[in-house]
């Protein structure tokens, strides 16, 4: 709403909190009309 972002990088450490939160965020973004191609997900140890 304030920055105008339409493309998203979900970057997290590889454990339960980032994976579950990003699962929620991915579903939320798609409910807002964001396409798969505009979502990048990355995890690191």
ModelCIF file with pLDDT and N, C-alpha, C, O atoms, coordinates in Angstrom:
data_MODEL
#
_entry.id   MODEL 
#
_entity.id                         1 
_entity.type                       polymer 
_entity.pdbx_number_of_molecules   1 
#
_entity_poly.entity_id                      1 
_entity_poly.type                           'polypeptide(L)' 
_entity_poly.nstd_linkage                   no 
_entity_poly.nstd_monomer                   no 
_entity_poly.pdbx_seq_one_letter_code       
;(UNK)(UNK)(UNK)(UNK)(UNK)(UNK)(UNK)(UNK)(UNK)(UNK)(UNK)(UNK)(UNK)(UNK)(UNK)(UNK)
(UNK)(UNK)(UNK)(UNK)(UNK)(UNK)(UNK)(UNK)(UNK)(UNK)(UNK)(UNK)(UNK)(UNK)(UNK)(UNK)
(UNK)(UNK)(UNK)(UNK)(UNK)(UNK)(UNK)(UNK)(UNK)(UNK)(UNK)(UNK)(UNK)
;
_entity_poly.pdbx_seq_one_letter_code_can   XXXXXXXXXXXXXXXXXXXXXXXXXXXXXXXXXXXXXXXXXXXXX 
_entity_poly.pdbx_strand_id                 A 
#
loop_
_entity_poly_seq.entity_id 
_entity_poly_seq.num 
_entity_poly_seq.mon_id 
_entity_poly_seq.hetero 
1 1  UNK n 
1 2  UNK n 
1 3  UNK n 
1 4  UNK n 
1 5  UNK n 
1 6  UNK n 
1 7  UNK n 
1 8  UNK n 
1 9  UNK n 
1 10 UNK n 
1 11 UNK n 
1 12 UNK n 
1 13 UNK n 
1 14 UNK n 
1 15 UNK n 
1 16 UNK n 
1 17 UNK n 
1 18 UNK n 
1 19 UNK n 
1 20 UNK n 
1 21 UNK n 
1 22 UNK n 
1 23 UNK n 
1 24 UNK n 
1 25 UNK n 
1 26 UNK n 
1 27 UNK n 
1 28 UNK n 
1 29 UNK n 
1 30 UNK n 
1 31 UNK n 
1 32 UNK n 
1 33 UNK n 
1 34 UNK n 
1 35 UNK n 
1 36 UNK n 
1 37 UNK n 
1 38 UNK n 
1 39 UNK n 
1 40 UNK n 
1 41 UNK n 
1 42 UNK n 
1 43 UNK n 
1 44 UNK n 
1 45 UNK n 
#
_struct_asym.id          A 
_struct_asym.entity_id   1 
#
loop_
_ma_qa_metric.id 
_ma_qa_metric.mode 
_ma_qa_metric.name 
_ma_qa_metric.software_group_id 
_ma_qa_metric.type 
1 global pLDDT . pLDDT 
2 local  pLDDT . pLDDT 
#
_ma_qa_metric_global.metric_id      1 
_ma_qa_metric_global.metric_value   95.31 
_ma_qa_metric_global.model_id       1 
_ma_qa_metric_global.ordinal_id     1 
#
loop_
_ma_qa_metric_local.label_asym_id 
_ma_qa_metric_local.label_comp_id 
_ma_qa_metric_local.label_seq_id 
_ma_qa_metric_local.metric_id 
_ma_qa_metric_local.metric_value 
_ma_qa_metric_local.model_id 
_ma_qa_metric_local.ordinal_id 
A UNK 1  2 96.00 1 1  
A UNK 2  2 95.00 1 2  
A UNK 3  2 95.00 1 3  
A UNK 4  2 97.00 1 4  
A UNK 5  2 97.00 1 5  
A UNK 6  2 97.00 1 6  
A UNK 7  2 98.00 1 7  
A UNK 8  2 98.00 1 8  
A UNK 9  2 98.00 1 9  
A UNK 10 2 97.00 1 10 
A UNK 11 2 96.00 1 11 
A UNK 12 2 94.00 1 12 
A UNK 13 2 91.00 1 13 
A UNK 14 2 92.00 1 14 
A UNK 15 2 88.00 1 15 
A UNK 16 2 90.00 1 16 
A UNK 17 2 90.00 1 17 
A UNK 18 2 92.00 1 18 
A UNK 19 2 94.00 1 19 
A UNK 20 2 93.00 1 20 
A UNK 21 2 94.00 1 21 
A UNK 22 2 95.00 1 22 
A UNK 23 2 95.00 1 23 
A UNK 24 2 96.00 1 24 
A UNK 25 2 97.00 1 25 
A UNK 26 2 97.00 1 26 
A UNK 27 2 96.00 1 27 
A UNK 28 2 97.00 1 28 
A UNK 29 2 98.00 1 29 
A UNK 30 2 97.00 1 30 
A UNK 31 2 96.00 1 31 
A UNK 32 2 96.00 1 32 
A UNK 33 2 97.00 1 33 
A UNK 34 2 98.00 1 34 
A UNK 35 2 97.00 1 35 
A UNK 36 2 96.00 1 36 
A UNK 37 2 97.00 1 37 
A UNK 38 2 98.00 1 38 
A UNK 39 2 98.00 1 39 
A UNK 40 2 97.00 1 40 
A UNK 41 2 97.00 1 41 
A UNK 42 2 95.00 1 42 
A UNK 43 2 95.00 1 43 
A UNK 44 2 93.00 1 44 
A UNK 45 2 89.00 1 45 
#
loop_
_atom_site.group_PDB 
_atom_site.id 
_atom_site.type_symbol 
_atom_site.label_atom_id 
_atom_site.label_alt_id 
_atom_site.label_comp_id 
_atom_site.label_asym_id 
_atom_site.label_entity_id 
_atom_site.label_seq_id 
_atom_site.pdbx_PDB_ins_code 
_atom_site.Cartn_x 
_atom_site.Cartn_y 
_atom_site.Cartn_z 
_atom_site.occupancy 
_atom_site.B_iso_or_equiv 
_atom_site.pdbx_formal_charge 
_atom_site.auth_seq_id 
_atom_site.auth_comp_id 
_atom_site.auth_asym_id 
_atom_site.auth_atom_id 
_atom_site.pdbx_PDB_model_num 
ATOM 1   N N  . UNK A 1 1  ? 0.801  -1.215  0.000   1.00 96.00 ? 1  UNK A N  1 
ATOM 2   C CA . UNK A 1 1  ? 0.000  0.000   0.000   1.00 96.00 ? 1  UNK A CA 1 
ATOM 3   C C  . UNK A 1 1  ? 0.839  1.274   0.000   1.00 96.00 ? 1  UNK A C  1 
ATOM 4   O O  . UNK A 1 1  ? 0.475  2.259   -0.643  1.00 96.00 ? 1  UNK A O  1 
ATOM 5   N N  . UNK A 1 2  ? 1.956  1.258   0.715   1.00 95.00 ? 2  UNK A N  1 
ATOM 6   C CA . UNK A 1 2  ? 2.740  2.478   0.875   1.00 95.00 ? 2  UNK A CA 1 
ATOM 7   C C  . UNK A 1 2  ? 3.973  2.532   -0.023  1.00 95.00 ? 2  UNK A C  1 
ATOM 8   O O  . UNK A 1 2  ? 4.422  3.618   -0.388  1.00 95.00 ? 2  UNK A O  1 
ATOM 9   N N  . UNK A 1 3  ? 4.519  1.389   -0.379  1.00 95.00 ? 3  UNK A N  1 
ATOM 10  C CA . UNK A 1 3  ? 5.730  1.341   -1.190  1.00 95.00 ? 3  UNK A CA 1 
ATOM 11  C C  . UNK A 1 3  ? 5.416  0.972   -2.635  1.00 95.00 ? 3  UNK A C  1 
ATOM 12  O O  . UNK A 1 3  ? 6.176  1.297   -3.548  1.00 95.00 ? 3  UNK A O  1 
ATOM 13  N N  . UNK A 1 4  ? 4.290  0.292   -2.834  1.00 97.00 ? 4  UNK A N  1 
ATOM 14  C CA . UNK A 1 4  ? 3.893  -0.095  -4.188  1.00 97.00 ? 4  UNK A CA 1 
ATOM 15  C C  . UNK A 1 4  ? 4.534  -1.358  -4.704  1.00 97.00 ? 4  UNK A C  1 
ATOM 16  O O  . UNK A 1 4  ? 4.630  -1.546  -5.917  1.00 97.00 ? 4  UNK A O  1 
ATOM 17  N N  . UNK A 1 5  ? 4.978  -2.235  -3.815  1.00 97.00 ? 5  UNK A N  1 
ATOM 18  C CA . UNK A 1 5  ? 5.634  -3.470  -4.226  1.00 97.00 ? 5  UNK A CA 1 
ATOM 19  C C  . UNK A 1 5  ? 4.661  -4.397  -4.935  1.00 97.00 ? 5  UNK A C  1 
ATOM 20  O O  . UNK A 1 5  ? 3.524  -4.583  -4.502  1.00 97.00 ? 5  UNK A O  1 
ATOM 21  N N  . UNK A 1 6  ? 5.137  -4.982  -6.045  1.00 97.00 ? 6  UNK A N  1 
ATOM 22  C CA . UNK A 1 6  ? 4.340  -5.956  -6.801  1.00 97.00 ? 6  UNK A CA 1 
ATOM 23  C C  . UNK A 1 6  ? 5.109  -7.251  -7.053  1.00 97.00 ? 6  UNK A C  1 
ATOM 24  O O  . UNK A 1 6  ? 4.532  -8.236  -7.513  1.00 97.00 ? 6  UNK A O  1 
ATOM 25  N N  . UNK A 1 7  ? 6.418  -7.253  -6.751  1.00 98.00 ? 7  UNK A N  1 
ATOM 26  C CA . UNK A 1 7  ? 7.262  -8.440  -6.918  1.00 98.00 ? 7  UNK A CA 1 
ATOM 27  C C  . UNK A 1 7  ? 7.926  -8.735  -5.577  1.00 98.00 ? 7  UNK A C  1 
ATOM 28  O O  . UNK A 1 7  ? 8.320  -7.809  -4.869  1.00 98.00 ? 7  UNK A O  1 
ATOM 29  N N  . UNK A 1 8  ? 8.057  -10.030 -5.215  1.00 98.00 ? 8  UNK A N  1 
ATOM 30  C CA . UNK A 1 8  ? 8.378  -10.358 -3.844  1.00 98.00 ? 8  UNK A CA 1 
ATOM 31  C C  . UNK A 1 8  ? 9.458  -11.426 -3.732  1.00 98.00 ? 8  UNK A C  1 
ATOM 32  O O  . UNK A 1 8  ? 9.406  -12.459 -4.400  1.00 98.00 ? 8  UNK A O  1 
ATOM 33  N N  . UNK A 1 9  ? 10.437 -11.155 -2.873  1.00 98.00 ? 9  UNK A N  1 
ATOM 34  C CA . UNK A 1 9  ? 11.437 -12.144 -2.485  1.00 98.00 ? 9  UNK A CA 1 
ATOM 35  C C  . UNK A 1 9  ? 11.164 -12.541 -1.042  1.00 98.00 ? 9  UNK A C  1 
ATOM 36  O O  . UNK A 1 9  ? 11.177 -11.695 -0.148  1.00 98.00 ? 9  UNK A O  1 
ATOM 37  N N  . UNK A 1 10 ? 10.915 -13.827 -0.815  1.00 97.00 ? 10 UNK A N  1 
ATOM 38  C CA . UNK A 1 10 ? 10.726 -14.356 0.533   1.00 97.00 ? 10 UNK A CA 1 
ATOM 39  C C  . UNK A 1 10 ? 12.012 -15.099 0.895   1.00 97.00 ? 10 UNK A C  1 
ATOM 40  O O  . UNK A 1 10 ? 12.221 -16.235 0.470   1.00 97.00 ? 10 UNK A O  1 
ATOM 41  N N  . UNK A 1 11 ? 12.869 -14.450 1.683   1.00 96.00 ? 11 UNK A N  1 
ATOM 42  C CA . UNK A 1 11 ? 14.184 -15.003 2.025   1.00 96.00 ? 11 UNK A CA 1 
ATOM 43  C C  . UNK A 1 11 ? 14.214 -15.378 3.497   1.00 96.00 ? 11 UNK A C  1 
ATOM 44  O O  . UNK A 1 11 ? 13.899 -14.555 4.357   1.00 96.00 ? 11 UNK A O  1 
ATOM 45  N N  . UNK A 1 12 ? 14.594 -16.618 3.791   1.00 94.00 ? 12 UNK A N  1 
ATOM 46  C CA . UNK A 1 12 ? 14.561 -17.048 5.183   1.00 94.00 ? 12 UNK A CA 1 
ATOM 47  C C  . UNK A 1 12 ? 15.625 -18.072 5.528   1.00 94.00 ? 12 UNK A C  1 
ATOM 48  O O  . UNK A 1 12 ? 16.222 -18.694 4.649   1.00 94.00 ? 12 UNK A O  1 
ATOM 49  N N  . UNK A 1 13 ? 15.849 -18.234 6.804   1.00 91.00 ? 13 UNK A N  1 
ATOM 50  C CA . UNK A 1 13 ? 16.664 -19.324 7.323   1.00 91.00 ? 13 UNK A CA 1 
ATOM 51  C C  . UNK A 1 13 ? 15.846 -20.609 7.249   1.00 91.00 ? 13 UNK A C  1 
ATOM 52  O O  . UNK A 1 13 ? 14.627 -20.590 7.420   1.00 91.00 ? 13 UNK A O  1 
ATOM 53  N N  . UNK A 1 14 ? 16.523 -21.718 6.994   1.00 92.00 ? 14 UNK A N  1 
ATOM 54  C CA . UNK A 1 14 ? 15.811 -22.963 6.716   1.00 92.00 ? 14 UNK A CA 1 
ATOM 55  C C  . UNK A 1 14 ? 15.389 -23.681 8.003   1.00 92.00 ? 14 UNK A C  1 
ATOM 56  O O  . UNK A 1 14 ? 16.066 -24.596 8.470   1.00 92.00 ? 14 UNK A O  1 
ATOM 57  N N  . UNK A 1 15 ? 14.270 -23.250 8.557   1.00 88.00 ? 15 UNK A N  1 
ATOM 58  C CA . UNK A 1 15 ? 13.658 -23.955 9.677   1.00 88.00 ? 15 UNK A CA 1 
ATOM 59  C C  . UNK A 1 15 ? 12.177 -23.616 9.700   1.00 88.00 ? 15 UNK A C  1 
ATOM 60  O O  . UNK A 1 15 ? 11.670 -22.966 8.786   1.00 88.00 ? 15 UNK A O  1 
ATOM 61  N N  . UNK A 1 16 ? 11.484 -24.055 10.744  1.00 90.00 ? 16 UNK A N  1 
ATOM 62  C CA . UNK A 1 16 ? 10.026 -24.067 10.731  1.00 90.00 ? 16 UNK A CA 1 
ATOM 63  C C  . UNK A 1 16 ? 9.414  -22.670 10.625  1.00 90.00 ? 16 UNK A C  1 
ATOM 64  O O  . UNK A 1 16 ? 8.441  -22.495 9.891   1.00 90.00 ? 16 UNK A O  1 
ATOM 65  N N  . UNK A 1 17 ? 9.942  -21.683 11.323  1.00 90.00 ? 17 UNK A N  1 
ATOM 66  C CA . UNK A 1 17 ? 9.315  -20.362 11.294  1.00 90.00 ? 17 UNK A CA 1 
ATOM 67  C C  . UNK A 1 17 ? 9.307  -19.743 9.897   1.00 90.00 ? 17 UNK A C  1 
ATOM 68  O O  . UNK A 1 17 ? 8.238  -19.366 9.417   1.00 90.00 ? 17 UNK A O  1 
ATOM 69  N N  . UNK A 1 18 ? 10.463 -19.623 9.221   1.00 92.00 ? 18 UNK A N  1 
ATOM 70  C CA . UNK A 1 18 ? 10.416 -19.041 7.882   1.00 92.00 ? 18 UNK A CA 1 
ATOM 71  C C  . UNK A 1 18 ? 9.575  -19.853 6.891   1.00 92.00 ? 18 UNK A C  1 
ATOM 72  O O  . UNK A 1 18 ? 8.821  -19.279 6.105   1.00 92.00 ? 18 UNK A O  1 
ATOM 73  N N  . UNK A 1 19 ? 9.699  -21.179 6.923   1.00 94.00 ? 19 UNK A N  1 
ATOM 74  C CA . UNK A 1 19 ? 8.956  -21.981 5.956   1.00 94.00 ? 19 UNK A CA 1 
ATOM 75  C C  . UNK A 1 19 ? 7.442  -21.858 6.160   1.00 94.00 ? 19 UNK A C  1 
ATOM 76  O O  . UNK A 1 19 ? 6.695  -21.731 5.190   1.00 94.00 ? 19 UNK A O  1 
ATOM 77  N N  . UNK A 1 20 ? 6.994  -21.896 7.403   1.00 93.00 ? 20 UNK A N  1 
ATOM 78  C CA . UNK A 1 20 ? 5.558  -21.791 7.651   1.00 93.00 ? 20 UNK A CA 1 
ATOM 79  C C  . UNK A 1 20 ? 5.065  -20.366 7.391   1.00 93.00 ? 20 UNK A C  1 
ATOM 80  O O  . UNK A 1 20 ? 4.014  -20.179 6.778   1.00 93.00 ? 20 UNK A O  1 
ATOM 81  N N  . UNK A 1 21 ? 5.815  -19.363 7.852   1.00 94.00 ? 21 UNK A N  1 
ATOM 82  C CA . UNK A 1 21 ? 5.429  -17.976 7.618   1.00 94.00 ? 21 UNK A CA 1 
ATOM 83  C C  . UNK A 1 21 ? 5.385  -17.666 6.126   1.00 94.00 ? 21 UNK A C  1 
ATOM 84  O O  . UNK A 1 21 ? 4.462  -17.003 5.654   1.00 94.00 ? 21 UNK A O  1 
ATOM 85  N N  . UNK A 1 22 ? 6.383  -18.145 5.384   1.00 95.00 ? 22 UNK A N  1 
ATOM 86  C CA . UNK A 1 22 ? 6.397  -17.897 3.945   1.00 95.00 ? 22 UNK A CA 1 
ATOM 87  C C  . UNK A 1 22 ? 5.272  -18.640 3.232   1.00 95.00 ? 22 UNK A C  1 
ATOM 88  O O  . UNK A 1 22 ? 4.758  -18.155 2.224   1.00 95.00 ? 22 UNK A O  1 
ATOM 89  N N  . UNK A 1 23 ? 4.883  -19.803 3.737   1.00 95.00 ? 23 UNK A N  1 
ATOM 90  C CA . UNK A 1 23 ? 3.725  -20.505 3.195   1.00 95.00 ? 23 UNK A CA 1 
ATOM 91  C C  . UNK A 1 23 ? 2.463  -19.661 3.361   1.00 95.00 ? 23 UNK A C  1 
ATOM 92  O O  . UNK A 1 23 ? 1.632  -19.579 2.456   1.00 95.00 ? 23 UNK A O  1 
ATOM 93  N N  . UNK A 1 24 ? 2.334  -19.035 4.534   1.00 96.00 ? 24 UNK A N  1 
ATOM 94  C CA . UNK A 1 24 ? 1.210  -18.144 4.792   1.00 96.00 ? 24 UNK A CA 1 
ATOM 95  C C  . UNK A 1 24 ? 1.291  -16.911 3.896   1.00 96.00 ? 24 UNK A C  1 
ATOM 96  O O  . UNK A 1 24 ? 0.294  -16.508 3.297   1.00 96.00 ? 24 UNK A O  1 
ATOM 97  N N  . UNK A 1 25 ? 2.490  -16.309 3.804   1.00 97.00 ? 25 UNK A N  1 
ATOM 98  C CA . UNK A 1 25 ? 2.663  -15.110 2.996   1.00 97.00 ? 25 UNK A CA 1 
ATOM 99  C C  . UNK A 1 25 ? 2.435  -15.395 1.517   1.00 97.00 ? 25 UNK A C  1 
ATOM 100 O O  . UNK A 1 25 ? 1.828  -14.584 0.817   1.00 97.00 ? 25 UNK A O  1 
ATOM 101 N N  . UNK A 1 26 ? 2.916  -16.541 1.034   1.00 97.00 ? 26 UNK A N  1 
ATOM 102 C CA . UNK A 1 26 ? 2.699  -16.896 -0.365  1.00 97.00 ? 26 UNK A CA 1 
ATOM 103 C C  . UNK A 1 26 ? 1.203  -17.006 -0.663  1.00 97.00 ? 26 UNK A C  1 
ATOM 104 O O  . UNK A 1 26 ? 0.732  -16.497 -1.680  1.00 97.00 ? 26 UNK A O  1 
ATOM 105 N N  . UNK A 1 27 ? 0.452  -17.673 0.228   1.00 96.00 ? 27 UNK A N  1 
ATOM 106 C CA . UNK A 1 27 ? -0.994 -17.788 0.043   1.00 96.00 ? 27 UNK A CA 1 
ATOM 107 C C  . UNK A 1 27 ? -1.651 -16.408 0.092   1.00 96.00 ? 27 UNK A C  1 
ATOM 108 O O  . UNK A 1 27 ? -2.565 -16.120 -0.681  1.00 96.00 ? 27 UNK A O  1 
ATOM 109 N N  . UNK A 1 28 ? -1.181 -15.560 1.005   1.00 97.00 ? 28 UNK A N  1 
ATOM 110 C CA . UNK A 1 28 ? -1.747 -14.218 1.127   1.00 97.00 ? 28 UNK A CA 1 
ATOM 111 C C  . UNK A 1 28 ? -1.460 -13.380 -0.123  1.00 97.00 ? 28 UNK A C  1 
ATOM 112 O O  . UNK A 1 28 ? -2.350 -12.693 -0.627  1.00 97.00 ? 28 UNK A O  1 
ATOM 113 N N  . UNK A 1 29 ? -0.218 -13.435 -0.626  1.00 98.00 ? 29 UNK A N  1 
ATOM 114 C CA . UNK A 1 29 ? 0.132  -12.701 -1.831  1.00 98.00 ? 29 UNK A CA 1 
ATOM 115 C C  . UNK A 1 29 ? -0.704 -13.143 -3.023  1.00 98.00 ? 29 UNK A C  1 
ATOM 116 O O  . UNK A 1 29 ? -1.181 -12.308 -3.792  1.00 98.00 ? 29 UNK A O  1 
ATOM 117 N N  . UNK A 1 30 ? -0.883 -14.445 -3.181  1.00 97.00 ? 30 UNK A N  1 
ATOM 118 C CA . UNK A 1 30 ? -1.679 -14.956 -4.298  1.00 97.00 ? 30 UNK A CA 1 
ATOM 119 C C  . UNK A 1 30 ? -3.139 -14.547 -4.172  1.00 97.00 ? 30 UNK A C  1 
ATOM 120 O O  . UNK A 1 30 ? -3.813 -14.321 -5.177  1.00 97.00 ? 30 UNK A O  1 
ATOM 121 N N  . UNK A 1 31 ? -3.640 -14.450 -2.915  1.00 96.00 ? 31 UNK A N  1 
ATOM 122 C CA . UNK A 1 31 ? -5.015 -13.982 -2.724  1.00 96.00 ? 31 UNK A CA 1 
ATOM 123 C C  . UNK A 1 31 ? -5.163 -12.520 -3.125  1.00 96.00 ? 31 UNK A C  1 
ATOM 124 O O  . UNK A 1 31 ? -6.271 -12.053 -3.389  1.00 96.00 ? 31 UNK A O  1 
ATOM 125 N N  . UNK A 1 32 ? -4.044 -11.799 -3.171  1.00 96.00 ? 32 UNK A N  1 
ATOM 126 C CA . UNK A 1 32 ? -4.024 -10.401 -3.594  1.00 96.00 ? 32 UNK A CA 1 
ATOM 127 C C  . UNK A 1 32 ? -3.729 -10.253 -5.085  1.00 96.00 ? 32 UNK A C  1 
ATOM 128 O O  . UNK A 1 32 ? -3.579 -9.139  -5.587  1.00 96.00 ? 32 UNK A O  1 
ATOM 129 N N  . UNK A 1 33 ? -3.645 -11.393 -5.794  1.00 97.00 ? 33 UNK A N  1 
ATOM 130 C CA . UNK A 1 33 ? -3.445 -11.352 -7.235  1.00 97.00 ? 33 UNK A CA 1 
ATOM 131 C C  . UNK A 1 33 ? -2.018 -11.448 -7.710  1.00 97.00 ? 33 UNK A C  1 
ATOM 132 O O  . UNK A 1 33 ? -1.764 -11.305 -8.906  1.00 97.00 ? 33 UNK A O  1 
ATOM 133 N N  . UNK A 1 34 ? -1.062 -11.690 -6.801  1.00 98.00 ? 34 UNK A N  1 
ATOM 134 C CA . UNK A 1 34 ? 0.341  -11.824 -7.194  1.00 98.00 ? 34 UNK A CA 1 
ATOM 135 C C  . UNK A 1 34 ? 0.557  -13.175 -7.876  1.00 98.00 ? 34 UNK A C  1 
ATOM 136 O O  . UNK A 1 34 ? 0.102  -14.203 -7.373  1.00 98.00 ? 34 UNK A O  1 
ATOM 137 N N  . UNK A 1 35 ? 1.253  -13.178 -9.028  1.00 97.00 ? 35 UNK A N  1 
ATOM 138 C CA . UNK A 1 35 ? 1.492  -14.390 -9.797  1.00 97.00 ? 35 UNK A CA 1 
ATOM 139 C C  . UNK A 1 35 ? 2.720  -15.144 -9.266  1.00 97.00 ? 35 UNK A C  1 
ATOM 140 O O  . UNK A 1 35 ? 3.587  -14.565 -8.611  1.00 97.00 ? 35 UNK A O  1 
ATOM 141 N N  . UNK A 1 36 ? 2.771  -16.447 -9.566  1.00 96.00 ? 36 UNK A N  1 
ATOM 142 C CA . UNK A 1 36 ? 3.909  -17.277 -9.156  1.00 96.00 ? 36 UNK A CA 1 
ATOM 143 C C  . UNK A 1 36 ? 5.233  -16.690 -9.634  1.00 96.00 ? 36 UNK A C  1 
ATOM 144 O O  . UNK A 1 36 ? 6.225  -16.707 -8.905  1.00 96.00 ? 36 UNK A O  1 
ATOM 145 N N  . UNK A 1 37 ? 5.244  -16.168 -10.869 1.00 97.00 ? 37 UNK A N  1 
ATOM 146 C CA . UNK A 1 37 ? 6.471  -15.637 -11.443 1.00 97.00 ? 37 UNK A CA 1 
ATOM 147 C C  . UNK A 1 37 ? 6.994  -14.414 -10.704 1.00 97.00 ? 37 UNK A C  1 
ATOM 148 O O  . UNK A 1 37 ? 8.156  -14.038 -10.861 1.00 97.00 ? 37 UNK A O  1 
ATOM 149 N N  . UNK A 1 38 ? 6.141  -13.796 -9.901  1.00 98.00 ? 38 UNK A N  1 
ATOM 150 C CA . UNK A 1 38 ? 6.544  -12.610 -9.164  1.00 98.00 ? 38 UNK A CA 1 
ATOM 151 C C  . UNK A 1 38 ? 6.844  -12.919 -7.698  1.00 98.00 ? 38 UNK A C  1 
ATOM 152 O O  . UNK A 1 38 ? 6.882  -12.016 -6.861  1.00 98.00 ? 38 UNK A O  1 
ATOM 153 N N  . UNK A 1 39 ? 7.056  -14.197 -7.396  1.00 98.00 ? 39 UNK A N  1 
ATOM 154 C CA . UNK A 1 39 ? 7.422  -14.603 -6.037  1.00 98.00 ? 39 UNK A CA 1 
ATOM 155 C C  . UNK A 1 39 ? 8.681  -15.470 -6.106  1.00 98.00 ? 39 UNK A C  1 
ATOM 156 O O  . UNK A 1 39 ? 8.674  -16.520 -6.748  1.00 98.00 ? 39 UNK A O  1 
ATOM 157 N N  . UNK A 1 40 ? 9.746  -15.041 -5.457  1.00 97.00 ? 40 UNK A N  1 
ATOM 158 C CA . UNK A 1 40 ? 10.986 -15.798 -5.349  1.00 97.00 ? 40 UNK A CA 1 
ATOM 159 C C  . UNK A 1 40 ? 11.173 -16.201 -3.891  1.00 97.00 ? 40 UNK A C  1 
ATOM 160 O O  . UNK A 1 40 ? 11.076 -15.368 -2.991  1.00 97.00 ? 40 UNK A O  1 
ATOM 161 N N  . UNK A 1 41 ? 11.444 -17.497 -3.664  1.00 97.00 ? 41 UNK A N  1 
ATOM 162 C CA . UNK A 1 41 ? 11.613 -18.004 -2.304  1.00 97.00 ? 41 UNK A CA 1 
ATOM 163 C C  . UNK A 1 41 ? 12.995 -18.621 -2.177  1.00 97.00 ? 41 UNK A C  1 
ATOM 164 O O  . UNK A 1 41 ? 13.408 -19.412 -3.025  1.00 97.00 ? 41 UNK A O  1 
ATOM 165 N N  . UNK A 1 42 ? 13.717 -18.259 -1.111  1.00 95.00 ? 42 UNK A N  1 
ATOM 166 C CA . UNK A 1 42 ? 15.061 -18.770 -0.897  1.00 95.00 ? 42 UNK A CA 1 
ATOM 167 C C  . UNK A 1 42 ? 15.284 -19.060 0.575   1.00 95.00 ? 42 UNK A C  1 
ATOM 168 O O  . UNK A 1 42 ? 14.884 -18.274 1.434   1.00 95.00 ? 42 UNK A O  1 
ATOM 169 N N  . UNK A 1 43 ? 15.930 -20.203 0.875   1.00 95.00 ? 43 UNK A N  1 
ATOM 170 C CA . UNK A 1 43 ? 16.258 -20.573 2.244   1.00 95.00 ? 43 UNK A CA 1 
ATOM 171 C C  . UNK A 1 43 ? 17.748 -20.872 2.372   1.00 95.00 ? 43 UNK A C  1 
ATOM 172 O O  . UNK A 1 43 ? 18.369 -21.415 1.458   1.00 95.00 ? 43 UNK A O  1 
ATOM 173 N N  . UNK A 1 44 ? 18.305 -20.511 3.515   1.00 93.00 ? 44 UNK A N  1 
ATOM 174 C CA . UNK A 1 44 ? 19.712 -20.781 3.812   1.00 93.00 ? 44 UNK A CA 1 
ATOM 175 C C  . UNK A 1 44 ? 19.811 -21.419 5.200   1.00 93.00 ? 44 UNK A C  1 
ATOM 176 O O  . UNK A 1 44 ? 18.930 -21.218 6.036   1.00 93.00 ? 44 UNK A O  1 
ATOM 177 N N  . UNK A 1 45 ? 20.877 -22.186 5.449   1.00 89.00 ? 45 UNK A N  1 
ATOM 178 C CA . UNK A 1 45 ? 21.030 -22.815 6.768   1.00 89.00 ? 45 UNK A CA 1 
ATOM 179 C C  . UNK A 1 45 ? 21.408 -21.787 7.840   1.00 89.00 ? 45 UNK A C  1 
ATOM 180 O O  . UNK A 1 45 ? 21.576 -22.143 9.006   1.00 89.00 ? 45 UNK A O  1 
#
